[in-house]
Amino acid sequence: MGRTKKVGPMGRYGARAGASVRKRRGQIEIGMRQRHKCPRCLAKAVRRVSIGVWRCARCDFTFAGGAYMPTTKLGEMVKRSKLS
C-alpha cells in the first residue's frame, strides 16, 4: 500500500481523484481507524468490525453505529430528544 508521511493513507491514490476529495476521504479513514469510546464501559477500546458494526475490545460489547464513526449526527439528535 502506497503511504507517505505527508499524505498518509491517501498515498495509494497518487495524483488521481483530486486533492480535496483525497483530503476529505483521508480524514474519514483516519477517524474510522482510531479507537473510540465504548457506550457501555466508557473505555477507549471500540474498533470497527465491518460497515456499521462496532465492537469494544474490553467488554466485548457489539453495537450498530455509523459506517465510518460509531455515532451519527442523527443518532445524537435522537438521543438528545429522548433525554428531554
N, C-alpha and C. Protein backbone atom coordinates (compact mmCIF):
# COMPACT_ATOMS: atom_id res chain seq x y z
N MET A 1 0.84 -1.17 0.00
CA MET A 1 0.00 0.00 0.00
C MET A 1 0.89 1.23 0.00
N GLY A 2 0.68 2.14 -0.96
CA GLY A 2 1.45 3.35 -1.01
C GLY A 2 1.08 4.30 0.11
N ARG A 3 2.04 4.64 0.95
CA ARG A 3 1.74 5.51 2.08
C ARG A 3 2.95 6.38 2.33
N THR A 4 2.72 7.67 2.45
CA THR A 4 3.82 8.56 2.74
C THR A 4 3.51 9.37 3.98
N LYS A 5 4.52 9.99 4.55
CA LYS A 5 4.33 10.77 5.78
C LYS A 5 3.41 11.96 5.54
N LYS A 6 3.51 12.56 4.39
CA LYS A 6 2.76 13.78 4.11
C LYS A 6 1.27 13.53 3.84
N VAL A 7 0.94 12.52 3.06
CA VAL A 7 -0.45 12.31 2.66
C VAL A 7 -1.14 11.16 3.38
N GLY A 8 -0.40 10.39 4.17
CA GLY A 8 -0.99 9.32 4.97
C GLY A 8 -1.56 8.21 4.11
N PRO A 9 -2.75 7.70 4.48
CA PRO A 9 -3.32 6.56 3.77
C PRO A 9 -3.76 6.88 2.34
N MET A 10 -3.82 8.16 1.99
CA MET A 10 -4.26 8.52 0.65
C MET A 10 -3.12 8.47 -0.37
N GLY A 11 -1.93 8.09 0.07
CA GLY A 11 -0.81 7.95 -0.83
C GLY A 11 -1.04 6.88 -1.89
N ARG A 12 -1.94 5.96 -1.61
CA ARG A 12 -2.22 4.89 -2.57
C ARG A 12 -2.93 5.39 -3.82
N TYR A 13 -3.51 6.60 -3.76
CA TYR A 13 -4.22 7.15 -4.93
C TYR A 13 -3.30 7.95 -5.85
N GLY A 14 -2.12 8.31 -5.37
CA GLY A 14 -1.20 9.08 -6.19
C GLY A 14 -1.81 10.43 -6.55
N ALA A 15 -1.77 10.79 -7.83
CA ALA A 15 -2.29 12.08 -8.27
C ALA A 15 -3.75 11.97 -8.73
N ARG A 16 -4.37 10.83 -8.53
CA ARG A 16 -5.74 10.62 -9.01
C ARG A 16 -6.78 11.13 -8.01
N ALA A 17 -7.97 11.36 -8.48
CA ALA A 17 -9.18 11.64 -7.70
C ALA A 17 -9.32 13.07 -7.20
N GLY A 18 -8.32 13.91 -7.32
CA GLY A 18 -8.45 15.30 -6.90
C GLY A 18 -8.02 15.49 -5.46
N ALA A 19 -7.38 16.60 -5.17
CA ALA A 19 -6.79 16.85 -3.86
C ALA A 19 -7.83 16.97 -2.76
N SER A 20 -8.89 17.74 -2.99
CA SER A 20 -9.88 17.97 -1.93
C SER A 20 -10.62 16.68 -1.59
N VAL A 21 -10.90 15.85 -2.58
CA VAL A 21 -11.58 14.58 -2.33
C VAL A 21 -10.68 13.65 -1.54
N ARG A 22 -9.40 13.61 -1.89
CA ARG A 22 -8.45 12.77 -1.16
C ARG A 22 -8.29 13.23 0.28
N LYS A 23 -8.25 14.53 0.51
CA LYS A 23 -8.12 15.06 1.86
C LYS A 23 -9.34 14.70 2.70
N ARG A 24 -10.52 14.85 2.14
CA ARG A 24 -11.76 14.54 2.86
C ARG A 24 -11.81 13.05 3.20
N ARG A 25 -11.48 12.21 2.23
CA ARG A 25 -11.50 10.77 2.46
C ARG A 25 -10.44 10.37 3.49
N GLY A 26 -9.29 11.04 3.44
CA GLY A 26 -8.23 10.77 4.41
C GLY A 26 -8.69 11.04 5.83
N GLN A 27 -9.37 12.16 6.04
CA GLN A 27 -9.89 12.49 7.36
C GLN A 27 -10.87 11.43 7.85
N ILE A 28 -11.75 10.98 6.96
CA ILE A 28 -12.75 9.96 7.32
C ILE A 28 -12.06 8.65 7.69
N GLU A 29 -11.09 8.22 6.88
CA GLU A 29 -10.41 6.95 7.14
C GLU A 29 -9.59 6.98 8.42
N ILE A 30 -8.91 8.07 8.68
CA ILE A 30 -8.12 8.18 9.90
C ILE A 30 -9.03 8.14 11.12
N GLY A 31 -10.15 8.87 11.07
CA GLY A 31 -11.11 8.85 12.16
C GLY A 31 -11.75 7.49 12.36
N MET A 32 -11.99 6.77 11.28
CA MET A 32 -12.62 5.46 11.34
C MET A 32 -11.70 4.44 12.01
N ARG A 33 -10.40 4.53 11.75
CA ARG A 33 -9.47 3.51 12.23
C ARG A 33 -8.97 3.74 13.65
N GLN A 34 -9.22 4.91 14.21
CA GLN A 34 -8.77 5.14 15.58
C GLN A 34 -9.72 4.49 16.58
N ARG A 35 -9.31 4.41 17.82
CA ARG A 35 -10.15 3.82 18.87
C ARG A 35 -11.15 4.86 19.37
N HIS A 36 -12.37 4.39 19.65
CA HIS A 36 -13.43 5.28 20.11
C HIS A 36 -13.91 4.85 21.49
N LYS A 37 -14.70 5.71 22.13
CA LYS A 37 -15.19 5.45 23.47
C LYS A 37 -16.37 4.49 23.43
N CYS A 38 -16.35 3.49 24.33
CA CYS A 38 -17.42 2.49 24.42
C CYS A 38 -18.62 3.10 25.14
N PRO A 39 -19.84 2.92 24.61
CA PRO A 39 -21.02 3.46 25.29
C PRO A 39 -21.37 2.71 26.58
N ARG A 40 -20.87 1.50 26.75
CA ARG A 40 -21.18 0.71 27.94
C ARG A 40 -20.14 0.90 29.04
N CYS A 41 -18.88 0.61 28.75
CA CYS A 41 -17.85 0.66 29.80
C CYS A 41 -17.02 1.94 29.77
N LEU A 42 -17.24 2.80 28.78
CA LEU A 42 -16.59 4.10 28.62
C LEU A 42 -15.08 4.01 28.40
N ALA A 43 -14.58 2.82 28.07
CA ALA A 43 -13.16 2.66 27.74
C ALA A 43 -12.94 3.08 26.29
N LYS A 44 -11.74 3.50 25.99
CA LYS A 44 -11.42 3.90 24.62
C LYS A 44 -10.91 2.65 23.88
N ALA A 45 -11.84 1.74 23.58
CA ALA A 45 -11.45 0.44 23.03
C ALA A 45 -12.37 -0.04 21.92
N VAL A 46 -13.16 0.85 21.34
CA VAL A 46 -14.10 0.46 20.28
C VAL A 46 -13.41 0.55 18.93
N ARG A 47 -13.50 -0.54 18.17
CA ARG A 47 -12.95 -0.60 16.82
C ARG A 47 -14.04 -1.05 15.86
N ARG A 48 -13.90 -0.72 14.60
CA ARG A 48 -14.87 -1.10 13.59
C ARG A 48 -14.64 -2.55 13.17
N VAL A 49 -15.71 -3.36 13.16
CA VAL A 49 -15.65 -4.74 12.72
C VAL A 49 -15.95 -4.82 11.23
N SER A 50 -17.04 -4.20 10.83
CA SER A 50 -17.41 -4.09 9.42
C SER A 50 -18.26 -2.84 9.27
N ILE A 51 -18.85 -2.64 8.11
CA ILE A 51 -19.60 -1.41 7.87
C ILE A 51 -20.77 -1.31 8.85
N GLY A 52 -20.72 -0.33 9.72
CA GLY A 52 -21.80 -0.09 10.68
C GLY A 52 -21.77 -0.98 11.90
N VAL A 53 -20.81 -1.87 12.06
CA VAL A 53 -20.72 -2.75 13.22
C VAL A 53 -19.46 -2.41 13.99
N TRP A 54 -19.63 -2.13 15.29
CA TRP A 54 -18.52 -1.70 16.15
C TRP A 54 -18.45 -2.62 17.36
N ARG A 55 -17.23 -2.90 17.85
CA ARG A 55 -17.05 -3.79 18.99
C ARG A 55 -16.01 -3.23 19.94
N CYS A 56 -16.35 -3.33 21.25
CA CYS A 56 -15.43 -2.90 22.29
C CYS A 56 -14.50 -4.08 22.60
N ALA A 57 -13.20 -3.83 22.59
CA ALA A 57 -12.23 -4.88 22.86
C ALA A 57 -12.19 -5.22 24.35
N ARG A 58 -12.63 -4.32 25.19
CA ARG A 58 -12.55 -4.54 26.63
C ARG A 58 -13.74 -5.34 27.17
N CYS A 59 -14.97 -4.89 26.87
CA CYS A 59 -16.15 -5.57 27.41
C CYS A 59 -16.87 -6.43 26.37
N ASP A 60 -16.35 -6.49 25.14
CA ASP A 60 -16.90 -7.29 24.04
C ASP A 60 -18.33 -6.88 23.69
N PHE A 61 -18.67 -5.62 23.91
CA PHE A 61 -19.98 -5.09 23.55
C PHE A 61 -19.99 -4.78 22.06
N THR A 62 -20.92 -5.39 21.32
CA THR A 62 -21.04 -5.16 19.89
C THR A 62 -22.31 -4.37 19.64
N PHE A 63 -22.20 -3.34 18.82
CA PHE A 63 -23.37 -2.49 18.55
C PHE A 63 -23.32 -1.94 17.15
N ALA A 64 -24.47 -1.47 16.68
CA ALA A 64 -24.57 -0.86 15.36
C ALA A 64 -24.35 0.63 15.50
N GLY A 65 -23.67 1.19 14.53
CA GLY A 65 -23.42 2.62 14.53
C GLY A 65 -23.34 3.10 13.10
N GLY A 66 -22.65 4.18 12.90
CA GLY A 66 -22.48 4.71 11.55
C GLY A 66 -21.47 3.88 10.77
N ALA A 67 -21.41 4.12 9.48
CA ALA A 67 -20.50 3.37 8.62
C ALA A 67 -19.05 3.70 8.93
N TYR A 68 -18.76 4.97 9.26
CA TYR A 68 -17.39 5.39 9.48
C TYR A 68 -17.10 5.84 10.90
N MET A 69 -18.12 6.13 11.68
CA MET A 69 -17.96 6.53 13.07
C MET A 69 -19.01 5.78 13.90
N PRO A 70 -18.73 5.49 15.17
CA PRO A 70 -19.69 4.74 15.96
C PRO A 70 -21.00 5.48 16.22
N THR A 71 -20.97 6.80 16.20
CA THR A 71 -22.20 7.56 16.36
C THR A 71 -22.42 8.43 15.13
N THR A 72 -23.68 8.70 14.83
CA THR A 72 -24.02 9.56 13.71
C THR A 72 -24.69 10.82 14.23
N LYS A 73 -24.77 11.82 13.40
CA LYS A 73 -25.43 13.07 13.80
C LYS A 73 -26.91 12.81 14.12
N LEU A 74 -27.56 12.00 13.30
CA LEU A 74 -28.97 11.68 13.53
C LEU A 74 -29.15 10.92 14.84
N GLY A 75 -28.26 9.99 15.13
CA GLY A 75 -28.33 9.23 16.38
C GLY A 75 -28.16 10.12 17.60
N GLU A 76 -27.27 11.10 17.49
CA GLU A 76 -27.07 12.04 18.60
C GLU A 76 -28.31 12.90 18.82
N MET A 77 -28.97 13.30 17.73
CA MET A 77 -30.20 14.09 17.85
C MET A 77 -31.30 13.29 18.52
N VAL A 78 -31.45 12.04 18.16
CA VAL A 78 -32.47 11.17 18.77
C VAL A 78 -32.19 10.97 20.24
N LYS A 79 -30.93 10.76 20.58
CA LYS A 79 -30.53 10.57 21.98
C LYS A 79 -30.87 11.80 22.82
N ARG A 80 -30.60 12.99 22.26
CA ARG A 80 -30.92 14.23 22.96
C ARG A 80 -32.41 14.42 23.14
N SER A 81 -33.20 14.04 22.13
CA SER A 81 -34.65 14.24 22.23
C SER A 81 -35.27 13.27 23.22
N LYS A 82 -34.68 12.09 23.40
CA LYS A 82 -35.19 11.12 24.38
C LYS A 82 -34.91 11.56 25.80
N LEU A 83 -33.82 12.29 26.01
CA LEU A 83 -33.46 12.75 27.33
C LEU A 83 -34.37 13.88 27.80
N SER A 84 -34.93 14.63 26.87
CA SER A 84 -35.77 15.77 27.24
C SER A 84 -37.13 15.36 27.73
